[in-house]
Every structure is written in C-alpha cells, then in structure tokens.
C-alpha atoms as a PDB file:
ATOM      1  CA  MET A   1     -60.996  58.549  92.980  1.00  0.00           C
ATOM      2  CA  LEU A   2     -57.458  57.012  94.247  1.00  0.00           C
ATOM      3  CA  LYS A   3     -54.991  56.658  91.512  1.00  0.00           C
ATOM      4  CA  PRO A   4     -52.050  53.945  91.144  1.00  0.00           C
ATOM      5  CA  GLN A   5     -49.004  55.465  93.268  1.00  0.00           C
ATOM      6  CA  GLN A   6     -45.717  54.815  93.893  1.00  0.00           C
ATOM      7  CA  VAL A   7     -45.547  55.807  97.883  1.00  0.00           C
ATOM      8  CA  LEU A   8     -47.728  54.242 101.052  1.00  0.00           C
ATOM      9  CA  PRO A   9     -49.596  56.924 102.544  1.00  0.00           C
ATOM     10  CA  GLU A  10     -48.786  57.796 105.839  1.00  0.00           C
ATOM     11  CA  ASN A  11     -52.360  56.761 107.051  1.00  0.00           C
ATOM     12  CA  TYR A  12     -51.839  53.119 105.436  1.00  0.00           C
ATOM     13  CA  ARG A  13     -51.282  49.852 106.915  1.00  0.00           C
ATOM     14  CA  GLN A  14     -50.329  46.241 105.757  1.00  0.00           C
ATOM     15  CA  ALA A  15     -54.002  44.288 106.047  1.00  0.00           C
ATOM     16  CA  GLY A  16     -52.922  40.488 104.438  1.00  0.00           C
ATOM     17  CA  THR A  17     -50.170  39.130 102.264  1.00  0.00           C
ATOM     18  CA  LEU A  18     -50.331  36.329 100.038  1.00  0.00           C
ATOM     19  CA  ASP A  19     -46.402  34.711  99.631  1.00  0.00           C
ATOM     20  CA  LEU A  20     -45.853  32.616  97.301  1.00  0.00           C
ATOM     21  CA  ARG A  21     -41.656  32.247  98.302  1.00  0.00           C
ATOM     22  CA  LYS A  22     -43.112  31.268 101.607  1.00  0.00           C
ATOM     23  CA  ASP A  23     -46.278  29.800 102.028  1.00  0.00           C
ATOM     24  CA  THR A  24     -45.452  26.485  99.831  1.00  0.00           C
ATOM     25  CA  ARG A  25     -48.620  25.050 100.804  1.00  0.00           C
ATOM     26  CA  MET A  26     -50.715  27.878  99.260  1.00  0.00           C
ATOM     27  CA  LEU A  27     -48.398  27.515  96.210  1.00  0.00           C
ATOM     28  CA  ILE A  28     -49.453  23.964  96.092  1.00  0.00           C
ATOM     29  CA  LEU A  29     -52.898  24.805  96.761  1.00  0.00           C
ATOM     30  CA  MET A  30     -53.285  26.982  93.483  1.00  0.00           C
ATOM     31  CA  ASN A  31     -51.890  24.167  91.532  1.00  0.00           C
ATOM     32  CA  VAL A  32     -54.332  21.314  92.303  1.00  0.00           C
ATOM     33  CA  ALA A  33     -56.966  24.070  91.877  1.00  0.00           C
ATOM     34  CA  ALA A  34     -55.873  24.668  88.688  1.00  0.00           C
ATOM     35  CA  LEU A  35     -55.989  21.268  87.263  1.00  0.00           C
ATOM     36  CA  ILE A  36     -59.166  20.819  89.004  1.00  0.00           C
ATOM     37  CA  LEU A  37     -60.550  23.985  86.419  1.00  0.00           C
ATOM     38  CA  LEU A  38     -59.461  22.069  83.734  1.00  0.00           C
ATOM     39  CA  ILE A  39     -62.346  19.979  84.059  1.00  0.00           C
ATOM     40  CA  PRO A  40     -65.062  22.919  83.859  1.00  0.00           C
ATOM     41  CA  SER A  41     -63.249  25.360  81.561  1.00  0.00           C
ATOM     42  CA  GLY A  42     -63.233  21.914  79.100  1.00  0.00           C
ATOM     43  CA  TRP A  43     -66.982  22.123  79.613  1.00  0.00           C
ATOM     44  CA  PHE A  44     -67.447  25.685  79.219  1.00  0.00           C
ATOM     45  CA  PHE A  45     -65.634  25.962  75.803  1.00  0.00           C
ATOM     46  CA  TRP A  46     -66.751  22.529  74.613  1.00  0.00           C
ATOM     47  CA  ARG A  47     -70.284  23.935  75.346  1.00  0.00           C
ATOM     48  CA  MET A  48     -69.164  26.932  73.254  1.00  0.00           C
ATOM     49  CA  PHE A  49     -68.102  25.779  70.780  1.00  0.00           C
ATOM     50  CA  ILE A  50     -71.339  23.003  69.784  1.00  0.00           C
ATOM     51  CA  TRP A  51     -73.124  26.322  70.032  1.00  0.00           C
ATOM     52  CA  LEU A  52     -71.349  28.490  67.979  1.00  0.00           C
ATOM     53  CA  ARG A  53     -70.425  25.568  65.197  1.00  0.00           C
ATOM     54  CA  PRO A  54     -73.004  22.667  65.544  1.00  0.00           C
ATOM     55  CA  ASP A  55     -72.559  21.645  62.076  1.00  0.00           C
ATOM     56  CA  LEU A  56     -68.939  20.714  62.895  1.00  0.00           C
ATOM     57  CA  ALA A  57     -68.901  19.432  66.613  1.00  0.00           C
ATOM     58  CA  TRP A  58     -69.924  16.232  66.171  1.00  0.00           C
ATOM     59  CA  SER A  59     -68.040  15.014  62.615  1.00  0.00           C
ATOM     60  CA  TRP A  60     -64.707  17.148  64.581  1.00  0.00           C
ATOM     61  CA  THR A  61     -64.463  14.433  66.941  1.00  0.00           C
ATOM     62  CA  ASP A  62     -65.096  11.586  64.582  1.00  0.00           C
ATOM     63  CA  SER A  63     -62.066  12.544  62.729  1.00  0.00           C
ATOM     64  CA  PHE A  64     -59.626  12.132  65.368  1.00  0.00           C
ATOM     65  CA  GLU A  65     -57.327   8.891  65.341  1.00  0.00           C
ATOM     66  CA  VAL A  66     -55.185   7.728  68.634  1.00  0.00           C
ATOM     67  CA  ASP A  67     -51.999   6.580  67.238  1.00  0.00           C
ATOM     68  CA  ILE A  68     -48.136   6.926  68.153  1.00  0.00           C
ATOM     69  CA  VAL A  69     -47.733  10.213  65.885  1.00  0.00           C
ATOM     70  CA  GLY A  70     -50.995  11.739  66.522  1.00  0.00           C
ATOM     71  CA  SER A  71     -50.283  11.399  70.710  1.00  0.00           C
ATOM     72  CA  ILE A  72     -46.615  12.792  70.333  1.00  0.00           C
ATOM     73  CA  LEU A  73     -48.323  15.588  67.512  1.00  0.00           C
ATOM     74  CA  LEU A  74     -50.712  16.621  70.348  1.00  0.00           C
ATOM     75  CA  ILE A  75     -48.153  16.436  72.984  1.00  0.00           C
ATOM     76  CA  VAL A  76     -46.427  18.650  71.014  1.00  0.00           C
ATOM     77  CA  VAL A  77     -49.425  21.153  69.930  1.00  0.00           C
ATOM     78  CA  VAL A  78     -50.306  21.084  74.317  1.00  0.00           C
ATOM     79  CA  LEU A  79     -47.039  22.641  75.027  1.00  0.00           C
ATOM     80  CA  LEU A  80     -46.927  24.751  72.502  1.00  0.00           C
ATOM     81  CA  VAL A  81     -50.208  26.378  72.814  1.00  0.00           C
ATOM     82  CA  ASN A  82     -48.895  26.590  76.878  1.00  0.00           C
ATOM     83  CA  LEU A  83     -46.398  28.679  76.093  1.00  0.00           C
ATOM     84  CA  LEU A  84     -48.212  31.346  73.762  1.00  0.00           C
ATOM     85  CA  MET A  85     -50.696  31.280  76.641  1.00  0.00           C
ATOM     86  CA  LEU A  86     -48.466  32.185  79.530  1.00  0.00           C
ATOM     87  CA  ILE A  87     -46.942  34.834  76.866  1.00  0.00           C
ATOM     88  CA  LEU A  88     -50.646  35.896  76.523  1.00  0.00           C
ATOM     89  CA  HIS A  89     -51.667  35.872  79.845  1.00  0.00           C
ATOM     90  CA  GLU A  90     -49.019  37.390  81.064  1.00  0.00           C
ATOM     91  CA  ALA A  91     -48.549  39.936  78.520  1.00  0.00           C
ATOM     92  CA  ALA A  92     -52.152  41.348  79.519  1.00  0.00           C
ATOM     93  CA  HIS A  93     -51.360  41.600  83.325  1.00  0.00           C
ATOM     94  CA  GLY A  94     -48.402  44.019  81.803  1.00  0.00           C
ATOM     95  CA  ALA A  95     -50.539  45.483  79.512  1.00  0.00           C
ATOM     96  CA  PHE A  96     -53.202  47.036  82.289  1.00  0.00           C
ATOM     97  CA  PHE A  97     -50.093  47.282  84.809  1.00  0.00           C
ATOM     98  CA  TRP A  98     -48.452  50.011  82.036  1.00  0.00           C
ATOM     99  CA  LEU A  99     -51.616  51.567  81.343  1.00  0.00           C
ATOM    100  CA  PHE A 100     -52.181  52.354  84.500  1.00  0.00           C
ATOM    101  CA  THR A 101     -48.647  53.266  85.976  1.00  0.00           C
ATOM    102  CA  ARG A 102     -47.278  53.887  82.420  1.00  0.00           C
ATOM    103  CA  SER A 103     -43.894  52.265  84.094  1.00  0.00           C
ATOM    104  CA  ARG A 104     -42.575  48.828  82.388  1.00  0.00           C
ATOM    105  CA  PRO A 105     -43.756  45.620  84.247  1.00  0.00           C
ATOM    106  CA  VAL A 106     -41.427  43.438  85.632  1.00  0.00           C
ATOM    107  CA  PHE A 107     -42.039  39.990  84.184  1.00  0.00           C
ATOM    108  CA  ALA A 108     -40.425  36.603  85.434  1.00  0.00           C
ATOM    109  CA  LEU A 109     -40.919  32.886  84.952  1.00  0.00           C
ATOM    110  CA  LYS A 110     -40.539  30.272  87.988  1.00  0.00           C
ATOM    111  CA  THR A 111     -40.719  26.506  88.459  1.00  0.00           C
ATOM    112  CA  PHE A 112     -44.435  26.405  89.204  1.00  0.00           C
ATOM    113  CA  TYR A 113     -45.930  29.855  88.288  1.00  0.00           C
ATOM    114  CA  ALA A 114     -45.227  33.244  85.955  1.00  0.00           C
ATOM    115  CA  TYR A 115     -45.758  36.681  87.161  1.00  0.00           C
ATOM    116  CA  ALA A 116     -46.016  39.979  85.115  1.00  0.00           C
ATOM    117  CA  ALA A 117     -45.485  42.640  88.320  1.00  0.00           C
ATOM    118  CA  ALA A 118     -44.857  46.282  89.107  1.00  0.00           C
ATOM    119  CA  PRO A 119     -43.009  46.287  92.782  1.00  0.00           C
ATOM    120  CA  ASP A 120     -42.664  50.040  92.648  1.00  0.00           C
ATOM    121  CA  TRP A 121     -46.498  50.782  92.809  1.00  0.00           C
ATOM    122  CA  TYR A 122     -49.547  50.533  95.187  1.00  0.00           C
ATOM    123  CA  LEU A 123     -52.690  50.211  93.185  1.00  0.00           C
ATOM    124  CA  PRO A 124     -56.205  50.704  93.846  1.00  0.00           C
ATOM    125  CA  ARG A 125     -58.594  47.940  94.689  1.00  0.00           C
ATOM    126  CA  ASP A 126     -60.621  48.851  91.634  1.00  0.00           C
ATOM    127  CA  LEU A 127     -57.267  48.953  89.153  1.00  0.00           C
ATOM    128  CA  TYR A 128     -55.707  46.032  90.471  1.00  0.00           C
ATOM    129  CA  LEU A 129     -59.312  43.789  89.967  1.00  0.00           C
ATOM    130  CA  ILE A 130     -58.909  45.065  86.701  1.00  0.00           C
ATOM    131  CA  VAL A 131     -55.116  44.074  85.891  1.00  0.00           C
ATOM    132  CA  SER A 132     -55.594  40.606  87.698  1.00  0.00           C
ATOM    133  CA  MET A 133     -59.206  39.232  85.276  1.00  0.00           C
ATOM    134  CA  ALA A 134     -57.313  40.550  82.264  1.00  0.00           C
ATOM    135  CA  PRO A 135     -56.290  37.678  80.903  1.00  0.00           C
ATOM    136  CA  LEU A 136     -59.020  35.570  81.884  1.00  0.00           C
ATOM    137  CA  VAL A 137     -61.665  37.678  80.675  1.00  0.00           C
ATOM    138  CA  LEU A 138     -59.618  38.846  77.520  1.00  0.00           C
ATOM    139  CA  ILE A 139     -58.430  35.834  76.251  1.00  0.00           C
ATOM    140  CA  SER A 140     -61.571  33.828  76.788  1.00  0.00           C
ATOM    141  CA  LEU A 141     -63.343  36.427  74.749  1.00  0.00           C
ATOM    142  CA  LEU A 142     -60.947  35.937  71.984  1.00  0.00           C
ATOM    143  CA  SER A 143     -60.590  32.178  72.262  1.00  0.00           C
ATOM    144  CA  ILE A 144     -64.577  31.873  71.948  1.00  0.00           C
ATOM    145  CA  LEU A 145     -64.174  34.282  68.802  1.00  0.00           C
ATOM    146  CA  LEU A 146     -61.546  32.559  67.269  1.00  0.00           C
ATOM    147  CA  LEU A 147     -63.950  28.954  67.881  1.00  0.00           C
ATOM    148  CA  ALA A 148     -66.693  30.647  65.606  1.00  0.00           C
ATOM    149  CA  PHE A 149     -64.823  31.410  62.747  1.00  0.00           C
ATOM    150  CA  VAL A 150     -61.221  29.318  62.655  1.00  0.00           C
ATOM    151  CA  PRO A 151     -60.471  26.644  60.562  1.00  0.00           C
ATOM    152  CA  GLN A 152     -60.791  22.706  61.468  1.00  0.00           C
ATOM    153  CA  TRP A 153     -57.315  22.131  61.954  1.00  0.00           C
ATOM    154  CA  MET A 154     -57.555  25.295  64.236  1.00  0.00           C
ATOM    155  CA  ILE A 155     -60.240  24.182  66.677  1.00  0.00           C
ATOM    156  CA  LEU A 156     -57.804  22.179  69.166  1.00  0.00           C
ATOM    157  CA  SER A 157     -55.241  24.534  69.741  1.00  0.00           C
ATOM    158  CA  VAL A 158     -58.308  27.728  70.414  1.00  0.00           C
ATOM    159  CA  LEU A 159     -59.513  25.200  72.917  1.00  0.00           C
ATOM    160  CA  ILE A 160     -56.184  24.554  74.429  1.00  0.00           C
ATOM    161  CA  LEU A 161     -55.748  27.919  74.884  1.00  0.00           C
ATOM    162  CA  ALA A 162     -58.894  28.970  76.471  1.00  0.00           C
ATOM    163  CA  VAL A 163     -58.680  25.598  78.895  1.00  0.00           C
ATOM    164  CA  CYS A 164     -55.385  25.966  79.577  1.00  0.00           C
ATOM    165  CA  ASN A 165     -55.799  29.827  80.154  1.00  0.00           C
ATOM    166  CA  ALA A 166     -58.960  30.028  82.249  1.00  0.00           C
ATOM    167  CA  ALA A 167     -57.875  27.454  84.823  1.00  0.00           C
ATOM    168  CA  GLY A 168     -54.400  29.190  84.790  1.00  0.00           C
ATOM    169  CA  SER A 169     -56.447  31.712  86.555  1.00  0.00           C
ATOM    170  CA  THR A 170     -56.888  30.329  89.700  1.00  0.00           C
ATOM    171  CA  GLY A 171     -54.355  32.870  91.120  1.00  0.00           C
ATOM    172  CA  ASP A 172     -55.950  35.741  89.802  1.00  0.00           C
ATOM    173  CA  LEU A 173     -59.240  34.480  90.842  1.00  0.00           C
ATOM    174  CA  VAL A 174     -57.884  33.833  94.495  1.00  0.00           C
ATOM    175  CA  VAL A 175     -56.401  37.793  95.098  1.00  0.00           C
ATOM    176  CA  ALA A 176     -59.848  39.001  93.073  1.00  0.00           C
ATOM    177  CA  PHE A 177     -62.150  37.182  95.753  1.00  0.00           C
ATOM    178  CA  TRP A 178     -59.718  38.699  98.186  1.00  0.00           C
ATOM    179  CA  LEU A 179     -59.682  41.941  96.808  1.00  0.00           C
ATOM    180  CA  LEU A 180     -63.476  42.078  96.153  1.00  0.00           C
ATOM    181  CA  ARG A 181     -64.260  41.467 100.417  1.00  0.00           C
ATOM    182  CA  GLN A 182     -61.422  44.915 100.997  1.00  0.00           C
ATOM    183  CA  PRO A 183     -63.163  48.144 101.011  1.00  0.00           C
ATOM    184  CA  LYS A 184     -62.466  50.363  97.389  1.00  0.00           C
ATOM    185  CA  THR A 185     -59.908  52.553  99.187  1.00  0.00           C
ATOM    186  CA  CYS A 186     -57.482  49.771  99.799  1.00  0.00           C
ATOM    187  CA  LEU A 187     -54.346  49.895  97.753  1.00  0.00           C
ATOM    188  CA  ALA A 188     -52.488  46.594  96.111  1.00  0.00           C
ATOM    189  CA  ASN A 189     -49.246  46.697  95.742  1.00  0.00           C
ATOM    190  CA  ASP A 190     -47.920  43.657  93.605  1.00  0.00           C
ATOM    191  CA  GLN A 191     -44.193  41.832  93.864  1.00  0.00           C
ATOM    192  CA  GLY A 192     -44.618  38.964  91.717  1.00  0.00           C
ATOM    193  CA  ASP A 193     -44.252  35.915  94.163  1.00  0.00           C
ATOM    194  CA  ALA A 194     -45.882  38.156  96.869  1.00  0.00           C
ATOM    195  CA  PHE A 195     -49.286  39.777  96.901  1.00  0.00           C
ATOM    196  CA  SER A 196     -50.312  42.436  99.605  1.00  0.00           C
ATOM    197  CA  LEU A 197     -52.704  44.410 100.651  1.00  0.00           C
ATOM    198  CA  TYR A 198     -53.047  48.136 102.498  1.00  0.00           C
ATOM    199  CA  LEU A 199     -55.465  49.208 104.226  1.00  0.00           C
END
C-alpha cells in the first residue's frame, strides 16, 4: 500500500490541477454551489431535529419573535457560529494531515475561503479522501448528536453549524468526486490554493 511521501516517485506525472488562485470561474462556481447547498442541507438537518426531538421541534419554532433586537442577535449568532465552524472544519482537515504525515499542516484564511494544507506531501488517494471528507462527516455527526441533547437555547446554533459546514464542504466534495474517479495508486498534493493529482 502506498504511504504519504515527500518526494514524488520518478514514474509519476501530474494528471490535473485545481488552482483557485488562477481559476476564478471555479472559485465563483464553488461559492454559488455552496449557497445552493444551504437548502438541501438545511432541510436534512431540520428533518433530523424533528426526528430526534419531535416534542420540541414545533413548539421551538412557535417561540420565535422577529424584531430589531432579535434580528441583530440572529446575525451575531450566525457570524459567531460560522467562525467556530470555520475553525472546526479546518482543524479536522489539519488533524488528519498531521495523523497521516506527522508534520504540521499549513492554515490560511483568504477572502472567499480558508484552508488547511500539507504542501510538502503527496498522499495516496484513499488517505486524501479521508482528509477531504473528515470535516463534513465528523461535524455532521457531532451536530446530530448535539441536536439530540442540547438545551433549547442552543438548537439554533447547532443547526447553523451543521448547515453551514455541510454547504461549506462544496470544495471538499468536488475534490472527493474527482479522486473517486482516479486509480488507488494516484497521489494528491494539497497546496491549499491549489490541488494536484499525480498518476
């Protein structure tokens, strides 16, 4: 089985690159796709909440009041939860980069995206799939678990966390879909802004 390595084997050649520094069109498409994904992810986690807490789901929504203070508070909650989500999401990527390479990953925050990367490493396809999908899977499972137990005042925050993380995983899903169409012997190199495959 292939292992993560810092030197590209001589018989490997670059098979493709997704470079967000140069491909503005792809960056815009991924951000639009993330906005669209808010709808199905919102529906999914709302349905999970209803299934887990049917006694609370409808009475909780009835207690909502829309006023100026409530609107400002909602905006603040959304911003704070998204900041937490961003940290958790990239930490999950970083934790698996570290687990597989034992090297400290690189973290960065750009205008339209954030990333964790391991620019000095080439990871086999299956290991990189784990890195790529870890935030979506782990944060979604954590959110579902929290929805089952948190007090009523925390439900909105958990729902926002789950929905925004799922929608924000668009880039990870694009990369995972691309990887699944490649042979197991391919190697992935993540520069953060750019992702390259080698065959």
